[in-house]
């Protein structure tokens, strides 16, 4: 995977091996890494007033999505995406 594009849909597996589709809502670069803010496609397709769950994934050196492992990294990338939202 060379570049992540907003709107792309990917299948990811949870720790139990259950596959779920996620859609890329935004992308960002931080500290030399690529990140994506994603949400479950099923949640996005539901017409509801409830908030949707958004989570962040990192593009690893093999070009695959990987979870963010540390609280410190999560806080940094959350701040990057928050700043992007504030600019819009």
N, C-alpha and C. Protein backbone atom coordinates (compact mmCIF):
# COMPACT_ATOMS: atom_id res chain seq x y z
N UNK A 1 0.86 -1.16 0.00
CA UNK A 1 0.00 0.00 0.00
C UNK A 1 0.90 1.22 0.00
N UNK A 2 0.79 2.05 -1.03
CA UNK A 2 1.67 3.20 -1.12
C UNK A 2 1.13 4.40 -0.36
N UNK A 3 -0.12 4.74 -0.59
CA UNK A 3 -0.69 5.92 0.03
C UNK A 3 -2.13 5.64 0.42
N UNK A 4 -2.49 6.11 1.57
CA UNK A 4 -3.86 5.93 2.05
C UNK A 4 -4.69 7.09 1.53
N UNK A 5 -5.86 6.81 1.00
CA UNK A 5 -6.74 7.85 0.47
C UNK A 5 -8.02 7.92 1.30
N UNK A 6 -8.48 9.12 1.56
CA UNK A 6 -9.76 9.32 2.25
C UNK A 6 -10.86 8.67 1.42
N UNK A 7 -11.74 7.94 2.08
CA UNK A 7 -12.83 7.26 1.40
C UNK A 7 -12.55 5.80 1.08
N UNK A 8 -11.28 5.40 1.16
CA UNK A 8 -10.96 4.00 0.90
C UNK A 8 -11.55 3.12 2.00
N UNK A 9 -11.93 1.92 1.63
CA UNK A 9 -12.49 0.96 2.58
C UNK A 9 -11.55 -0.23 2.66
N UNK A 10 -11.24 -0.62 3.89
CA UNK A 10 -10.34 -1.73 4.14
C UNK A 10 -10.99 -2.72 5.09
N UNK A 11 -10.55 -3.96 5.01
CA UNK A 11 -10.98 -4.98 5.94
C UNK A 11 -9.86 -5.20 6.95
N UNK A 12 -10.19 -5.10 8.22
CA UNK A 12 -9.23 -5.36 9.28
C UNK A 12 -9.76 -6.48 10.15
N UNK A 13 -8.88 -7.12 10.89
CA UNK A 13 -9.27 -8.19 11.80
C UNK A 13 -8.99 -7.76 13.23
N UNK A 14 -9.92 -8.10 14.13
CA UNK A 14 -9.70 -7.80 15.54
C UNK A 14 -8.88 -8.92 16.17
N UNK A 15 -8.65 -8.83 17.46
CA UNK A 15 -7.82 -9.82 18.16
C UNK A 15 -8.43 -11.22 18.15
N UNK A 16 -9.73 -11.32 17.85
CA UNK A 16 -10.40 -12.62 17.78
C UNK A 16 -10.49 -13.16 16.35
N UNK A 17 -9.91 -12.42 15.40
CA UNK A 17 -9.94 -12.85 14.01
C UNK A 17 -11.19 -12.45 13.26
N UNK A 18 -12.09 -11.70 13.91
CA UNK A 18 -13.31 -11.25 13.25
C UNK A 18 -12.97 -10.09 12.31
N UNK A 19 -13.41 -10.20 11.06
CA UNK A 19 -13.12 -9.17 10.07
C UNK A 19 -14.20 -8.09 10.08
N UNK A 20 -13.74 -6.84 9.94
CA UNK A 20 -14.64 -5.70 9.90
C UNK A 20 -14.15 -4.73 8.82
N UNK A 21 -15.08 -4.07 8.17
CA UNK A 21 -14.71 -3.07 7.18
C UNK A 21 -14.65 -1.71 7.83
N UNK A 22 -13.57 -0.96 7.53
CA UNK A 22 -13.42 0.40 8.01
C UNK A 22 -13.21 1.33 6.82
N UNK A 23 -13.68 2.57 6.98
CA UNK A 23 -13.48 3.58 5.94
C UNK A 23 -12.55 4.65 6.47
N UNK A 24 -11.64 5.08 5.62
CA UNK A 24 -10.69 6.13 5.99
C UNK A 24 -11.41 7.48 5.94
N UNK A 25 -11.42 8.18 7.08
CA UNK A 25 -12.07 9.48 7.19
C UNK A 25 -11.09 10.63 7.00
N UNK A 26 -9.83 10.40 7.37
CA UNK A 26 -8.79 11.43 7.24
C UNK A 26 -7.44 10.75 7.35
N UNK A 27 -6.42 11.41 6.80
CA UNK A 27 -5.06 10.90 6.91
C UNK A 27 -4.15 12.02 7.40
N UNK A 28 -3.03 11.62 7.98
CA UNK A 28 -2.07 12.61 8.47
C UNK A 28 -0.69 11.98 8.52
N UNK A 29 0.31 12.83 8.43
CA UNK A 29 1.70 12.43 8.62
C UNK A 29 2.17 13.06 9.91
N UNK A 30 2.89 12.29 10.73
CA UNK A 30 3.45 12.82 11.97
C UNK A 30 4.70 12.03 12.32
N UNK A 31 5.75 12.75 12.61
CA UNK A 31 7.01 12.13 13.03
C UNK A 31 7.46 11.03 12.07
N UNK A 32 7.28 11.27 10.78
CA UNK A 32 7.74 10.33 9.77
C UNK A 32 6.85 9.12 9.55
N UNK A 33 5.69 9.09 10.17
CA UNK A 33 4.76 7.98 10.01
C UNK A 33 3.45 8.46 9.39
N UNK A 34 2.77 7.54 8.71
CA UNK A 34 1.45 7.83 8.14
C UNK A 34 0.39 7.24 9.06
N UNK A 35 -0.69 8.01 9.26
CA UNK A 35 -1.79 7.59 10.12
C UNK A 35 -3.11 7.79 9.39
N UNK A 36 -4.11 7.02 9.79
CA UNK A 36 -5.45 7.16 9.26
C UNK A 36 -6.45 7.19 10.40
N UNK A 37 -7.41 8.10 10.30
CA UNK A 37 -8.57 8.10 11.19
C UNK A 37 -9.63 7.30 10.46
N UNK A 38 -10.13 6.25 11.10
CA UNK A 38 -11.08 5.35 10.44
C UNK A 38 -12.30 5.13 11.33
N UNK A 39 -13.37 4.68 10.69
CA UNK A 39 -14.58 4.29 11.41
C UNK A 39 -15.16 3.07 10.70
N UNK A 40 -15.95 2.31 11.44
CA UNK A 40 -16.57 1.13 10.85
C UNK A 40 -17.59 1.54 9.79
N UNK A 41 -17.53 0.89 8.63
CA UNK A 41 -18.44 1.18 7.53
C UNK A 41 -19.89 1.01 7.98
N UNK A 42 -20.15 -0.03 8.74
CA UNK A 42 -21.51 -0.29 9.23
C UNK A 42 -22.05 0.90 10.02
N UNK A 43 -21.21 1.50 10.87
CA UNK A 43 -21.64 2.66 11.66
C UNK A 43 -21.89 3.88 10.77
N UNK A 44 -21.05 4.05 9.76
CA UNK A 44 -21.19 5.20 8.86
C UNK A 44 -22.44 5.11 8.00
N UNK A 45 -22.85 3.88 7.67
CA UNK A 45 -24.02 3.69 6.82
C UNK A 45 -25.33 3.88 7.57
N UNK A 46 -25.30 3.74 8.89
CA UNK A 46 -26.51 3.93 9.68
C UNK A 46 -26.85 5.41 9.76
N UNK A 47 -28.09 5.72 9.50
CA UNK A 47 -28.53 7.12 9.60
C UNK A 47 -28.99 7.35 11.03
N UNK A 48 -28.08 7.86 11.83
CA UNK A 48 -28.37 8.05 13.24
C UNK A 48 -27.78 9.37 13.72
N UNK A 49 -28.32 9.88 14.78
CA UNK A 49 -27.83 11.12 15.36
C UNK A 49 -26.70 10.85 16.35
N UNK A 50 -26.46 9.59 16.66
CA UNK A 50 -25.43 9.23 17.62
C UNK A 50 -24.04 9.47 17.03
N UNK A 51 -23.09 9.72 17.94
CA UNK A 51 -21.70 9.87 17.52
C UNK A 51 -21.18 8.55 16.98
N UNK A 52 -20.28 8.65 16.00
CA UNK A 52 -19.65 7.44 15.50
C UNK A 52 -18.30 7.27 16.18
N UNK A 53 -17.87 6.03 16.30
CA UNK A 53 -16.56 5.74 16.88
C UNK A 53 -15.50 5.94 15.80
N UNK A 54 -14.51 6.74 16.13
CA UNK A 54 -13.38 6.98 15.24
C UNK A 54 -12.14 6.50 15.97
N UNK A 55 -11.29 5.77 15.25
CA UNK A 55 -10.05 5.36 15.86
C UNK A 55 -8.92 5.53 14.86
N UNK A 56 -7.70 5.47 15.36
CA UNK A 56 -6.52 5.76 14.54
C UNK A 56 -5.70 4.50 14.32
N UNK A 57 -5.20 4.38 13.10
CA UNK A 57 -4.31 3.29 12.75
C UNK A 57 -3.04 3.87 12.14
N UNK A 58 -1.95 3.16 12.30
CA UNK A 58 -0.67 3.59 11.75
C UNK A 58 -0.32 2.68 10.59
N UNK A 59 0.28 3.24 9.56
CA UNK A 59 0.75 2.45 8.44
C UNK A 59 2.15 1.97 8.80
N UNK A 60 2.34 0.65 8.91
CA UNK A 60 3.65 0.14 9.33
C UNK A 60 4.62 0.06 8.16
N UNK A 61 5.85 -0.38 8.44
CA UNK A 61 6.90 -0.40 7.42
C UNK A 61 6.59 -1.35 6.27
N UNK A 62 5.69 -2.31 6.46
CA UNK A 62 5.29 -3.22 5.39
C UNK A 62 4.11 -2.69 4.58
N UNK A 63 3.59 -1.51 4.97
CA UNK A 63 2.45 -0.94 4.27
C UNK A 63 1.12 -1.44 4.76
N UNK A 64 1.11 -2.07 5.94
CA UNK A 64 -0.12 -2.59 6.52
C UNK A 64 -0.56 -1.71 7.69
N UNK A 65 -1.85 -1.73 7.97
CA UNK A 65 -2.34 -1.00 9.14
C UNK A 65 -1.91 -1.71 10.41
N UNK A 66 -1.54 -0.92 11.40
CA UNK A 66 -1.17 -1.46 12.70
C UNK A 66 -1.81 -0.58 13.77
N UNK A 67 -2.17 -1.17 14.90
CA UNK A 67 -2.74 -0.35 15.97
C UNK A 67 -1.66 0.54 16.59
N UNK A 68 -2.10 1.62 17.19
CA UNK A 68 -1.19 2.49 17.92
C UNK A 68 -1.00 1.85 19.29
N UNK A 69 0.24 1.59 19.64
CA UNK A 69 0.56 0.79 20.83
C UNK A 69 0.62 1.60 22.12
N UNK A 70 1.14 2.81 22.08
CA UNK A 70 1.37 3.53 23.33
C UNK A 70 0.40 4.69 23.51
N UNK A 71 0.14 5.01 24.77
CA UNK A 71 -0.71 6.16 25.08
C UNK A 71 -0.08 7.46 24.58
N UNK A 72 1.24 7.54 24.67
CA UNK A 72 1.94 8.75 24.23
C UNK A 72 1.74 8.98 22.73
N UNK A 73 1.92 7.93 21.93
CA UNK A 73 1.73 8.04 20.50
C UNK A 73 0.27 8.39 20.18
N UNK A 74 -0.68 7.75 20.90
CA UNK A 74 -2.09 8.03 20.69
C UNK A 74 -2.41 9.50 20.96
N UNK A 75 -1.88 10.04 22.04
CA UNK A 75 -2.13 11.44 22.39
C UNK A 75 -1.57 12.37 21.31
N UNK A 76 -0.38 12.06 20.81
CA UNK A 76 0.24 12.89 19.77
C UNK A 76 -0.60 12.89 18.49
N UNK A 77 -1.01 11.72 18.05
CA UNK A 77 -1.75 11.65 16.79
C UNK A 77 -3.17 12.19 16.97
N UNK A 78 -3.76 12.03 18.14
CA UNK A 78 -5.07 12.64 18.41
C UNK A 78 -4.98 14.15 18.28
N UNK A 79 -3.91 14.73 18.79
CA UNK A 79 -3.72 16.18 18.71
C UNK A 79 -3.56 16.63 17.26
N UNK A 80 -2.87 15.83 16.46
CA UNK A 80 -2.69 16.17 15.03
C UNK A 80 -4.04 16.20 14.34
N UNK A 81 -4.87 15.17 14.56
CA UNK A 81 -6.18 15.13 13.91
C UNK A 81 -7.11 16.21 14.47
N UNK A 82 -7.04 16.48 15.77
CA UNK A 82 -7.85 17.55 16.35
C UNK A 82 -7.51 18.89 15.71
N UNK A 83 -6.23 19.13 15.50
CA UNK A 83 -5.79 20.38 14.87
C UNK A 83 -6.32 20.48 13.44
N UNK A 84 -6.32 19.35 12.72
CA UNK A 84 -6.85 19.33 11.35
C UNK A 84 -8.33 19.68 11.35
N UNK A 85 -9.08 19.14 12.30
CA UNK A 85 -10.52 19.41 12.38
C UNK A 85 -10.77 20.87 12.70
N UNK A 86 -9.99 21.42 13.63
CA UNK A 86 -10.14 22.82 14.01
C UNK A 86 -9.91 23.77 12.84
N UNK A 87 -9.02 23.39 11.91
CA UNK A 87 -8.72 24.22 10.75
C UNK A 87 -9.87 24.22 9.75
N UNK A 88 -10.64 23.13 9.73
CA UNK A 88 -11.74 23.02 8.79
C UNK A 88 -12.90 23.74 9.32
